[in-house]
């Protein structure tokens, strides 16, 4: 084989920082994602399917050019038409664009939407920090009501608890609004400009000083330890809004801690801002979060409507479950019913029966190939089935099929027809 041919057949692998979810781990991934989406539907949030890529300007204007997401992490390229497009790094800006484009403000407000899928950021890969990350998000658009903020936060909290997580905490703050943030921004900049900041950090302080408070370098954190905090400089309306949110959360029984130094990674947040943290994940402890984004829609060319939402990290939630040693119920069950047939005639009959069970909504599979009884029953065990259907020559002659309850370790003969079998396994 030539060197070129050898290169052609080298082992291929997934792109760096992009995880595969293969069985059995994929079962946990699907369970987490679907439960997050189910909780959103229960609360009245309708699904919206978003493009995987958008016009680059949407994210530059909506997310904020001073953020690391826009300045360093976006997958941006020119398409064949010469247009600059970007793989979506987050979901809110895309939802806003769709809301504007489809005139959703003409209906009943707030409009409640949910979405899920992959998002893309060129980050340094590490455990829980991927270049293709999976999220489930919700947005409630068109109403500035602190009870709506509390609903969103409680929904996120309930979503985590629904998958079996307990070792997380909710951190909460307020980032003010257009009335009180400018004065605070000026005060914070005055403080920062007196510090011996490096050139890049000083430039960041000029563009968005709040981002300096999010700097992870120890020397910067020490210098900004006494920095003025937004929570201490809220206007009367923002303070009343935040107090109403915390009061509602307390009435819902949702525990939280105030984190006045919280700065989310996106520029559009105002007022209520929150993050869910799990210390079992090490440095990448954030498992989801969100906040209110009054002014974002007007910023990208739409009506001046407020909104609030969150993004829950599916990847991080799966890792958090592993850290807690929690396995959601039923992950070891691929199907409920597994068919074991011995002999060609029995196999043909079983194949038809399995197809009819599936048509009736019963999850079912069967053993393929010329396996004996013992080997075929291993397939039932590996599928995690509740019931095994055993069919051989003797059963065909009697017109019955053996139904084994693999949970209770019992067995009974059942008439060999679909209705009788369905009745026996439900």
Protein backbone atom coordinates (compact mmCIF):
# COMPACT_ATOMS: atom_id res chain seq x y z
CA UNK A 1 0.00 0.00 0.00
CA UNK A 2 1.38 3.42 -0.93
CA UNK A 3 1.85 6.22 1.59
CA UNK A 4 -1.03 8.17 0.04
CA UNK A 5 -3.33 5.15 0.31
CA UNK A 6 -2.28 4.65 3.93
CA UNK A 7 -3.17 8.32 4.70
CA UNK A 8 -6.54 7.81 3.02
CA UNK A 9 -7.45 5.00 5.42
CA UNK A 10 -6.20 6.60 8.64
CA UNK A 11 -8.64 6.37 11.52
CA UNK A 12 -11.06 9.29 11.59
CA UNK A 13 -12.41 10.84 14.78
CA UNK A 14 -14.89 13.54 15.77
CA UNK A 15 -13.71 17.17 15.53
CA UNK A 16 -11.88 18.39 18.61
CA UNK A 17 -14.27 19.55 21.31
CA UNK A 18 -17.33 17.89 19.76
CA UNK A 19 -18.72 15.02 21.87
CA UNK A 20 -20.38 11.87 20.55
CA UNK A 21 -23.31 10.45 22.49
CA UNK A 22 -23.36 6.74 21.71
CA UNK A 23 -25.34 4.08 23.59
CA UNK A 24 -25.64 3.69 26.52
CA UNK A 25 -24.73 7.33 27.34
CA UNK A 26 -27.06 8.57 24.61
CA UNK A 27 -30.00 7.31 26.67
CA UNK A 28 -29.13 9.74 29.48
CA UNK A 29 -28.65 12.56 26.97
CA UNK A 30 -32.07 11.98 25.37
CA UNK A 31 -33.76 11.62 28.77
CA UNK A 32 -32.33 14.93 30.01
CA UNK A 33 -33.07 16.86 26.81
CA UNK A 34 -36.60 15.51 26.48
CA UNK A 35 -37.43 16.11 30.16
CA UNK A 36 -36.23 19.72 29.92
CA UNK A 37 -38.42 20.20 26.83
CA UNK A 38 -41.37 18.42 28.47
CA UNK A 39 -41.26 20.70 31.50
CA UNK A 40 -41.33 23.72 29.16
CA UNK A 41 -44.37 22.35 27.33
CA UNK A 42 -46.17 21.74 30.63
CA UNK A 43 -45.70 25.43 31.41
CA UNK A 44 -47.21 26.47 28.06
CA UNK A 45 -44.04 27.14 26.07
CA UNK A 46 -44.47 26.26 22.38
CA UNK A 47 -41.63 24.84 20.32
CA UNK A 48 -39.80 26.98 17.77
CA UNK A 49 -37.26 25.46 15.37
CA UNK A 50 -34.39 27.84 14.64
CA UNK A 51 -31.79 27.89 11.84
CA UNK A 52 -28.40 26.48 12.81
CA UNK A 53 -26.73 29.50 11.17
CA UNK A 54 -27.77 33.14 10.89
CA UNK A 55 -26.51 36.42 9.45
CA UNK A 56 -23.38 37.34 11.43
CA UNK A 57 -24.74 40.83 12.11
CA UNK A 58 -27.54 39.37 14.24
CA UNK A 59 -25.09 38.08 16.84
CA UNK A 60 -22.76 41.09 16.64
CA UNK A 61 -25.68 43.43 17.39
CA UNK A 62 -27.68 41.17 19.67
CA UNK A 63 -25.07 39.37 21.77
CA UNK A 64 -22.58 42.26 22.01
CA UNK A 65 -19.28 42.85 20.25
CA UNK A 66 -17.40 43.18 23.55
CA UNK A 67 -18.26 39.64 24.62
CA UNK A 68 -15.84 36.77 24.19
CA UNK A 69 -18.62 34.93 22.36
CA UNK A 70 -18.60 37.46 19.50
CA UNK A 71 -14.99 38.61 19.57
CA UNK A 72 -13.28 35.22 19.98
CA UNK A 73 -15.61 32.22 19.86
CA UNK A 74 -17.96 32.42 16.87
CA UNK A 75 -17.73 30.08 13.91
CA UNK A 76 -18.08 32.66 11.13
CA UNK A 77 -17.56 32.07 7.43
CA UNK A 78 -18.47 33.48 4.04
CA UNK A 79 -20.95 31.44 2.04
CA UNK A 80 -20.87 31.00 -1.73
CA UNK A 81 -22.97 34.12 -2.17
CA UNK A 82 -20.40 36.23 -0.34
CA UNK A 83 -22.59 36.62 2.76
CA UNK A 84 -21.08 36.44 6.24
CA UNK A 85 -22.93 33.78 8.24
CA UNK A 86 -22.30 32.34 11.72
CA UNK A 87 -23.16 29.04 13.35
CA UNK A 88 -25.45 30.02 16.20
CA UNK A 89 -23.52 30.52 19.48
CA UNK A 90 -26.72 30.97 21.52
CA UNK A 91 -30.48 30.93 21.03
CA UNK A 92 -32.04 34.18 22.23
CA UNK A 93 -30.93 36.40 19.35
CA UNK A 94 -32.32 33.90 16.83
CA UNK A 95 -35.64 33.76 18.65
CA UNK A 96 -35.81 37.57 18.61
CA UNK A 97 -35.13 37.63 14.88
CA UNK A 98 -37.88 35.06 14.25
CA UNK A 99 -40.28 36.94 16.56
CA UNK A 100 -39.76 40.14 14.55
CA UNK A 101 -39.84 38.44 11.14
CA UNK A 102 -43.09 36.59 11.83
CA UNK A 103 -44.85 39.53 13.58
CA UNK A 104 -45.47 37.53 16.74
CA UNK A 105 -46.11 40.74 18.68
CA UNK A 106 -49.55 40.95 17.07
CA UNK A 107 -50.84 38.05 19.17
CA UNK A 108 -51.43 37.56 22.88
CA UNK A 109 -48.50 38.56 25.07
CA UNK A 110 -46.32 37.21 26.48
CA UNK A 111 -45.35 34.85 23.68
CA UNK A 112 -43.80 31.74 25.26
CA UNK A 113 -41.36 29.74 23.15
CA UNK A 114 -38.97 26.85 23.72
CA UNK A 115 -36.21 25.39 21.56
CA UNK A 116 -33.38 22.90 21.74
CA UNK A 117 -30.41 21.72 19.73
CA UNK A 118 -26.71 22.29 19.16
CA UNK A 119 -24.90 25.62 19.54
CA UNK A 120 -21.34 26.36 18.51
CA UNK A 121 -18.48 28.21 20.19
CA UNK A 122 -14.77 27.99 19.45
CA UNK A 123 -13.65 27.45 23.04
CA UNK A 124 -10.74 25.60 24.58
CA UNK A 125 -12.17 22.08 24.97
CA UNK A 126 -12.30 20.57 28.44
CA UNK A 127 -14.71 18.50 30.50
CA UNK A 128 -18.15 20.07 30.13
CA UNK A 129 -16.92 22.79 27.79
CA UNK A 130 -17.49 21.82 24.19
CA UNK A 131 -17.31 23.51 20.81
CA UNK A 132 -20.66 21.96 19.97
CA UNK A 133 -22.83 22.33 23.05
CA UNK A 134 -26.41 21.18 23.51
CA UNK A 135 -29.02 23.37 25.17
CA UNK A 136 -32.72 23.57 25.86
CA UNK A 137 -33.96 27.14 26.07
CA UNK A 138 -37.15 29.06 26.74
CA UNK A 139 -38.11 32.68 26.10
CA UNK A 140 -41.11 34.64 27.37
CA UNK A 141 -41.45 37.80 25.27
CA UNK A 142 -43.58 40.92 25.57
CA UNK A 143 -44.21 41.44 29.29
CA UNK A 144 -42.12 43.07 32.02
CA UNK A 145 -43.58 41.30 35.03
CA UNK A 146 -41.48 40.05 37.97
CA UNK A 147 -43.87 37.11 38.36
CA UNK A 148 -42.85 36.03 34.86
CA UNK A 149 -39.21 36.20 35.92
CA UNK A 150 -40.01 33.97 38.88
CA UNK A 151 -41.92 31.55 36.65
CA UNK A 152 -38.93 31.18 34.33
CA UNK A 153 -36.51 30.58 37.21
CA UNK A 154 -38.85 28.12 38.92
CA UNK A 155 -39.29 26.26 35.62
CA UNK A 156 -35.52 25.85 35.29
CA UNK A 157 -35.26 24.69 38.90
CA UNK A 158 -38.07 22.17 38.36
CA UNK A 159 -36.43 20.91 35.17
CA UNK A 160 -33.22 20.05 37.00
CA UNK A 161 -35.09 18.34 39.84
CA UNK A 162 -37.20 16.38 37.35
CA UNK A 163 -34.10 14.58 36.02
CA UNK A 164 -32.96 13.75 39.56
CA UNK A 165 -30.42 16.50 40.24
CA UNK A 166 -30.18 17.90 43.76
CA UNK A 167 -26.62 19.16 44.30
CA UNK A 168 -26.98 22.49 42.54
CA UNK A 169 -27.65 26.02 43.69
CA UNK A 170 -29.39 28.98 42.12
CA UNK A 171 -27.44 32.26 42.13
CA UNK A 172 -29.41 35.43 41.55
CA UNK A 173 -28.82 39.15 41.02
CA UNK A 174 -30.13 42.23 39.20
CA UNK A 175 -28.16 44.12 36.57
CA UNK A 176 -30.39 47.19 36.58
CA UNK A 177 -31.82 48.90 33.51
CA UNK A 178 -31.28 51.85 31.18
CA UNK A 179 -32.22 54.28 33.95
CA UNK A 180 -29.80 53.17 36.67
CA UNK A 181 -27.06 51.32 34.84
CA UNK A 182 -25.45 54.36 33.11
CA UNK A 183 -24.67 56.05 36.44
CA UNK A 184 -23.36 52.78 37.85
CA UNK A 185 -21.30 52.18 34.72
CA UNK A 186 -19.62 55.57 35.16
CA UNK A 187 -18.92 54.85 38.83
CA UNK A 188 -17.48 51.43 38.00
CA UNK A 189 -15.29 52.84 35.23
CA UNK A 190 -13.91 55.47 37.58
CA UNK A 191 -12.94 52.69 39.97
CA UNK A 192 -11.42 50.49 37.24
CA UNK A 193 -9.41 53.22 35.53
CA UNK A 194 -7.53 53.84 38.77
CA UNK A 195 -6.29 50.23 38.75
CA UNK A 196 -3.09 49.03 37.01
CA UNK A 197 -5.00 47.09 34.36
CA UNK A 198 -3.32 45.62 31.30
CA UNK A 199 -4.17 47.16 27.94
CA UNK A 200 -6.69 44.53 26.88
CA UNK A 201 -8.56 44.64 30.20
CA UNK A 202 -8.60 48.45 30.16
CA UNK A 203 -10.09 48.35 26.67
CA UNK A 204 -12.75 45.97 27.94
CA UNK A 205 -13.48 48.36 30.81
CA UNK A 206 -14.08 51.12 28.26
CA UNK A 207 -16.51 49.05 26.19
CA UNK A 208 -18.34 47.14 28.94
CA UNK A 209 -16.89 47.55 32.45
CA UNK A 210 -19.17 44.84 33.87
CA UNK A 211 -17.16 42.28 31.93
CA UNK A 212 -14.07 43.08 34.02
CA UNK A 213 -15.89 41.80 37.11
CA UNK A 214 -16.22 38.46 35.31
CA UNK A 215 -12.46 38.13 34.77
CA UNK A 216 -11.28 34.75 36.11
CA UNK A 217 -7.64 35.78 36.69
CA UNK A 218 -6.83 35.87 40.39
CA UNK A 219 -4.87 39.12 40.19
CA UNK A 220 -7.80 40.89 38.52
CA UNK A 221 -10.27 39.45 41.00
CA UNK A 222 -8.14 40.74 43.87
CA UNK A 223 -7.92 44.22 42.33
CA UNK A 224 -11.70 44.39 41.82
CA UNK A 225 -12.66 42.92 45.22
CA UNK A 226 -13.89 46.34 46.42
CA UNK A 227 -15.48 47.40 43.13
CA UNK A 228 -18.93 49.02 43.35
CA UNK A 229 -21.72 46.53 42.66
CA UNK A 230 -24.81 47.05 40.54
CA UNK A 231 -27.05 45.54 43.20
CA UNK A 232 -26.13 48.44 45.53
CA UNK A 233 -27.01 51.07 42.90
CA UNK A 234 -30.41 49.94 41.61
CA UNK A 235 -33.06 52.55 40.92
CA UNK A 236 -36.33 52.37 42.84
CA UNK A 237 -38.18 50.49 40.07
CA UNK A 238 -35.43 47.91 39.61
CA UNK A 239 -35.17 47.34 43.34
CA UNK A 240 -38.94 46.82 43.58
CA UNK A 241 -38.80 44.44 40.60
CA UNK A 242 -36.01 42.39 42.15
CA UNK A 243 -37.73 42.26 45.53
CA UNK A 244 -40.90 40.98 43.85
CA UNK A 245 -38.93 38.25 42.08
CA UNK A 246 -37.29 37.02 45.28
CA UNK A 247 -40.60 37.15 47.16
CA UNK A 248 -42.26 35.01 44.47
CA UNK A 249 -39.41 32.49 44.49
CA UNK A 250 -39.74 32.18 48.25
CA UNK A 251 -43.48 31.58 47.90
CA UNK A 252 -42.75 28.86 45.30
CA UNK A 253 -40.25 27.23 47.64
CA UNK A 254 -37.33 27.75 45.22
CA UNK A 255 -34.08 28.22 47.20
CA UNK A 256 -31.57 30.82 45.97
CA UNK A 257 -28.50 32.79 47.00
CA UNK A 258 -27.75 36.39 46.05
CA UNK A 259 -24.55 36.79 44.04
CA UNK A 260 -23.97 40.53 43.52
CA UNK A 261 -20.84 39.94 41.42
CA UNK A 262 -22.55 37.76 38.83
CA UNK A 263 -21.87 38.78 35.25
CA UNK A 264 -23.28 36.55 32.53
CA UNK A 265 -21.34 35.99 29.32
CA UNK A 266 -23.76 37.96 27.13
CA UNK A 267 -24.27 41.72 27.02
CA UNK A 268 -28.04 41.90 26.61
CA UNK A 269 -29.08 41.07 30.19
CA UNK A 270 -30.95 43.61 32.32
CA UNK A 271 -32.67 43.40 35.69
CA UNK A 272 -33.14 39.77 36.83
CA UNK A 273 -30.12 37.61 36.01
CA UNK A 274 -29.48 34.09 37.29
CA UNK A 275 -27.26 31.04 37.02
CA UNK A 276 -27.50 27.45 38.21
CA UNK A 277 -24.19 26.13 39.55
CA UNK A 278 -23.06 22.58 40.34
CA UNK A 279 -19.79 22.32 42.25
CA UNK A 280 -19.35 18.69 41.26
CA UNK A 281 -18.23 19.82 37.78
CA UNK A 282 -15.07 21.65 38.85
CA UNK A 283 -14.13 24.78 36.90
CA UNK A 284 -17.07 24.47 34.50
CA UNK A 285 -19.63 24.65 37.30
CA UNK A 286 -22.38 26.54 35.47
CA UNK A 287 -25.08 24.17 34.24
CA UNK A 288 -27.53 26.78 32.95
CA UNK A 289 -28.80 30.28 33.42
CA UNK A 290 -30.45 33.29 31.89
CA UNK A 291 -32.13 36.56 32.63
CA UNK A 292 -34.20 39.47 31.42
CA UNK A 293 -33.18 41.30 28.27
CA UNK A 294 -35.27 44.46 27.99
CA UNK A 295 -34.12 46.47 24.97
CA UNK A 296 -32.64 43.57 22.99
CA UNK A 297 -35.46 43.40 20.47
CA UNK A 298 -35.33 47.11 19.70
CA UNK A 299 -31.56 46.80 19.34
CA UNK A 300 -31.92 44.36 16.46
CA UNK A 301 -34.68 46.32 14.70
CA UNK A 302 -37.91 45.15 16.27
CA UNK A 303 -40.55 46.63 18.60
CA UNK A 304 -39.36 47.71 22.04
CA UNK A 305 -40.64 44.67 23.93
CA UNK A 306 -39.10 43.10 27.00
CA UNK A 307 -38.31 39.44 27.45
CA UNK A 308 -36.75 36.88 29.74
CA UNK A 309 -35.38 33.39 29.12
CA UNK A 310 -32.82 30.75 29.94
CA UNK A 311 -30.57 28.15 28.38
CA UNK A 312 -30.06 24.84 30.19
CA UNK A 313 -26.94 22.90 29.25
CA UNK A 314 -27.80 19.30 28.40
CA UNK A 315 -24.14 18.26 28.31
CA UNK A 316 -23.46 19.79 31.72
CA UNK A 317 -26.61 18.26 33.20
CA UNK A 318 -25.55 14.79 32.05
CA UNK A 319 -22.14 15.32 33.66
CA UNK A 320 -23.78 16.62 36.85
CA UNK A 321 -25.93 13.47 37.06
CA UNK A 322 -22.78 11.39 36.74
CA UNK A 323 -21.07 13.48 39.44
CA UNK A 324 -24.00 12.81 41.80
CA UNK A 325 -24.09 9.13 40.87
CA UNK A 326 -27.67 9.50 39.70
CA UNK A 327 -29.08 7.44 36.84
CA UNK A 328 -32.55 8.48 35.65
CA UNK A 329 -35.10 5.67 35.85
CA UNK A 330 -35.38 3.32 32.90
CA UNK A 331 -32.07 4.11 31.17
CA UNK A 332 -31.21 0.41 31.07
CA UNK A 333 -34.44 -0.39 29.22
CA UNK A 334 -34.19 -0.22 25.45
CA UNK A 335 -37.56 -1.91 24.84
CA UNK A 336 -40.37 -3.30 26.99
CA UNK A 337 -40.89 -6.55 25.06
CA UNK A 338 -38.31 -8.87 23.48
CA UNK A 339 -39.20 -11.76 21.20
CA UNK A 340 -37.30 -15.07 21.31
CA UNK A 341 -38.14 -17.45 18.48
CA UNK A 342 -36.66 -20.89 17.73
CA UNK A 343 -36.96 -22.19 14.17
CA UNK A 344 -37.70 -20.53 10.84
CA UNK A 345 -41.49 -20.70 11.08
CA UNK A 346 -41.47 -19.34 14.62
CA UNK A 347 -39.10 -16.55 13.61
CA UNK A 348 -41.39 -15.50 10.75
CA UNK A 349 -44.42 -15.51 13.05
CA UNK A 350 -42.54 -13.60 15.75
CA UNK A 351 -41.37 -10.98 13.25
CA UNK A 352 -44.99 -10.28 12.26
CA UNK A 353 -46.08 -10.17 15.91
CA UNK A 354 -43.31 -7.72 16.86
CA UNK A 355 -44.29 -5.43 13.97
CA UNK A 356 -47.92 -5.48 15.13
CA UNK A 357 -46.89 -4.69 18.73
CA UNK A 358 -44.91 -1.68 17.51
CA UNK A 359 -47.88 -0.51 15.45
CA UNK A 360 -49.94 -0.64 18.65
CA UNK A 361 -47.38 1.54 20.46
CA UNK A 362 -45.58 -1.19 22.39
CA UNK A 363 -41.77 -0.87 22.30
CA UNK A 364 -40.51 -4.23 21.07
CA UNK A 365 -37.55 -6.00 19.49
CA UNK A 366 -36.55 -9.61 18.83
CA UNK A 367 -33.57 -11.89 18.50
CA UNK A 368 -32.22 -12.23 14.95
CA UNK A 369 -30.11 -14.97 13.44
CA UNK A 370 -30.14 -18.67 14.29
CA UNK A 371 -29.57 -18.33 18.03
CA UNK A 372 -30.58 -20.96 20.54
CA UNK A 373 -32.87 -20.21 23.48
CA UNK A 374 -30.05 -19.36 25.90
CA UNK A 375 -28.29 -16.99 23.47
CA UNK A 376 -31.56 -15.32 22.48
CA UNK A 377 -32.53 -14.72 26.10
CA UNK A 378 -29.26 -12.81 26.57
CA UNK A 379 -30.64 -10.35 24.06
CA UNK A 380 -33.71 -9.83 26.25
CA UNK A 381 -31.48 -9.13 29.25
CA UNK A 382 -29.32 -6.66 27.34
CA UNK A 383 -32.40 -4.86 26.05
CA UNK A 384 -33.60 -4.43 29.64
CA UNK A 385 -36.99 -5.81 28.59
CA UNK A 386 -39.80 -6.30 31.09
CA UNK A 387 -41.22 -9.23 29.09
CA UNK A 388 -39.82 -11.94 26.86
CA UNK A 389 -42.05 -13.69 24.33
CA UNK A 390 -40.89 -17.25 23.68
CA UNK A 391 -42.10 -19.06 20.59
CA UNK A 392 -40.97 -22.46 19.26
CA UNK A 393 -42.43 -25.47 17.49
CA UNK A 394 -44.38 -26.66 20.53
CA UNK A 395 -46.01 -23.24 21.03
CA UNK A 396 -46.91 -23.03 17.34
CA UNK A 397 -48.69 -26.37 17.56
CA UNK A 398 -50.67 -25.33 20.65
CA UNK A 399 -51.50 -21.87 19.26
CA UNK A 400 -50.01 -20.23 22.33
CA UNK A 401 -46.96 -18.16 23.16
CA UNK A 402 -45.02 -18.10 26.45
CA UNK A 403 -44.93 -14.67 28.10
CA UNK A 404 -42.10 -14.38 30.63
CA UNK A 405 -42.27 -11.53 33.15
CA UNK A 406 -38.56 -10.80 33.60
CA UNK A 407 -39.18 -8.47 36.55
CA UNK A 408 -41.36 -10.78 38.63
CA UNK A 409 -39.81 -13.99 37.23
CA UNK A 410 -43.12 -15.54 36.26
CA UNK A 411 -44.35 -17.16 33.05
CA UNK A 412 -47.78 -17.80 31.55
CA UNK A 413 -49.08 -19.19 28.24
CA UNK A 414 -51.09 -16.68 26.19
CA UNK A 415 -53.16 -17.18 23.05
CA UNK A 416 -51.01 -16.50 19.98
CA UNK A 417 -52.68 -13.34 18.71
CA UNK A 418 -51.69 -9.70 18.94
CA UNK A 419 -54.57 -8.54 21.16
CA UNK A 420 -53.91 -11.25 23.76
CA UNK A 421 -50.19 -10.52 23.84
CA UNK A 422 -50.75 -6.77 24.18
CA UNK A 423 -53.11 -7.41 27.08
CA UNK A 424 -50.50 -9.61 28.77
CA UNK A 425 -47.62 -7.12 28.52
CA UNK A 426 -49.48 -3.95 29.53
